[in-house]
Protein backbone atom coordinates (compact mmCIF):
# COMPACT_ATOMS: atom_id res chain seq x y z
CA UNK A 1 -89.01 36.17 103.78
CA UNK A 2 -89.33 39.22 105.99
CA UNK A 3 -91.17 39.88 109.20
CA UNK A 4 -92.01 43.18 110.84
CA UNK A 5 -93.64 43.65 114.24
CA UNK A 6 -95.59 46.92 114.38
CA UNK A 7 -94.59 49.38 117.09
CA UNK A 8 -97.97 48.88 118.78
CA UNK A 9 -97.05 45.23 119.46
CA UNK A 10 -93.42 45.65 120.46
CA UNK A 11 -92.59 44.83 124.04
CA UNK A 12 -95.55 42.43 124.32
CA UNK A 13 -93.56 39.25 123.70
CA UNK A 14 -95.09 38.75 120.26
CA UNK A 15 -91.75 38.96 118.43
CA UNK A 16 -90.15 36.45 120.81
CA UNK A 17 -93.06 34.03 120.34
CA UNK A 18 -92.92 34.32 116.54
CA UNK A 19 -89.15 33.78 116.56
CA UNK A 20 -89.44 30.75 118.87
CA UNK A 21 -92.17 29.27 116.68
CA UNK A 22 -89.96 29.65 113.60
CA UNK A 23 -87.03 28.03 115.37
CA UNK A 24 -89.20 25.12 116.50
CA UNK A 25 -90.60 24.63 112.97
CA UNK A 26 -87.03 24.52 111.64
CA UNK A 27 -86.03 21.93 114.26
CA UNK A 28 -88.99 19.73 113.29
CA UNK A 29 -87.77 19.86 109.69
CA UNK A 30 -84.32 18.70 110.77
CA UNK A 31 -82.52 22.04 110.47
CA UNK A 32 -79.46 22.36 112.66
CA UNK A 33 -78.60 26.01 112.07
CA UNK A 34 -80.70 29.08 111.35
CA UNK A 35 -79.42 32.25 109.67
CA UNK A 36 -81.02 35.69 109.44
CA UNK A 37 -80.09 39.28 108.84
CA UNK A 38 -81.14 42.56 110.39
CA UNK A 39 -79.81 46.11 110.33
CA UNK A 40 -78.07 48.00 113.10
CA UNK A 41 -80.98 50.47 113.18
CA UNK A 42 -83.45 47.59 113.57
CA UNK A 43 -83.11 44.92 116.24
CA UNK A 44 -79.80 43.03 116.48
CA UNK A 45 -79.93 43.09 120.29
CA UNK A 46 -83.36 41.42 120.20
CA UNK A 47 -81.83 38.37 118.50
CA UNK A 48 -78.63 38.36 120.55
CA UNK A 49 -80.67 38.25 123.79
CA UNK A 50 -82.29 35.10 122.41
CA UNK A 51 -79.05 33.25 121.69
CA UNK A 52 -78.30 34.40 118.15
CA UNK A 53 -74.66 35.12 117.29
CA UNK A 54 -73.45 37.76 114.82
CA UNK A 55 -71.03 36.35 112.25
CA UNK A 56 -70.74 39.09 109.67
CA UNK A 57 -71.71 42.60 108.71
CA UNK A 58 -71.87 44.79 105.62
CA UNK A 59 -71.98 48.59 105.41
CA UNK A 60 -75.30 49.89 104.11
CA UNK A 61 -77.37 53.07 103.85
CA UNK A 62 -77.80 55.38 105.60
CA UNK A 63 -74.10 56.02 106.16
CA UNK A 64 -72.81 54.44 109.36
CA UNK A 65 -75.41 51.67 109.41
CA UNK A 66 -74.73 47.98 108.75
CA UNK A 67 -76.56 44.81 107.85
CA UNK A 68 -75.79 42.22 110.53
CA UNK A 69 -75.86 38.49 109.75
CA UNK A 70 -76.75 36.24 112.70
CA UNK A 71 -76.90 32.48 113.23
CA UNK A 72 -78.17 30.13 115.87
CA UNK A 73 -77.58 26.43 116.38
CA UNK A 74 -80.90 24.68 116.71
């Protein structure tokens, strides 16, 4: 349900490859839309650069941070 890429592997393309593989697996299963969430202090820009669109947010801890919900048509 959750995936974390260690700092040592960030910037290597690993996260993008894992995300693309998940999207492709969903397409093969007939999914038309994918939904995920991340936090503002994590990586919303990572997903947005790959075509994901934010559609909602919720305030969370620590103060000032939010959970961002994103979707992508497959």
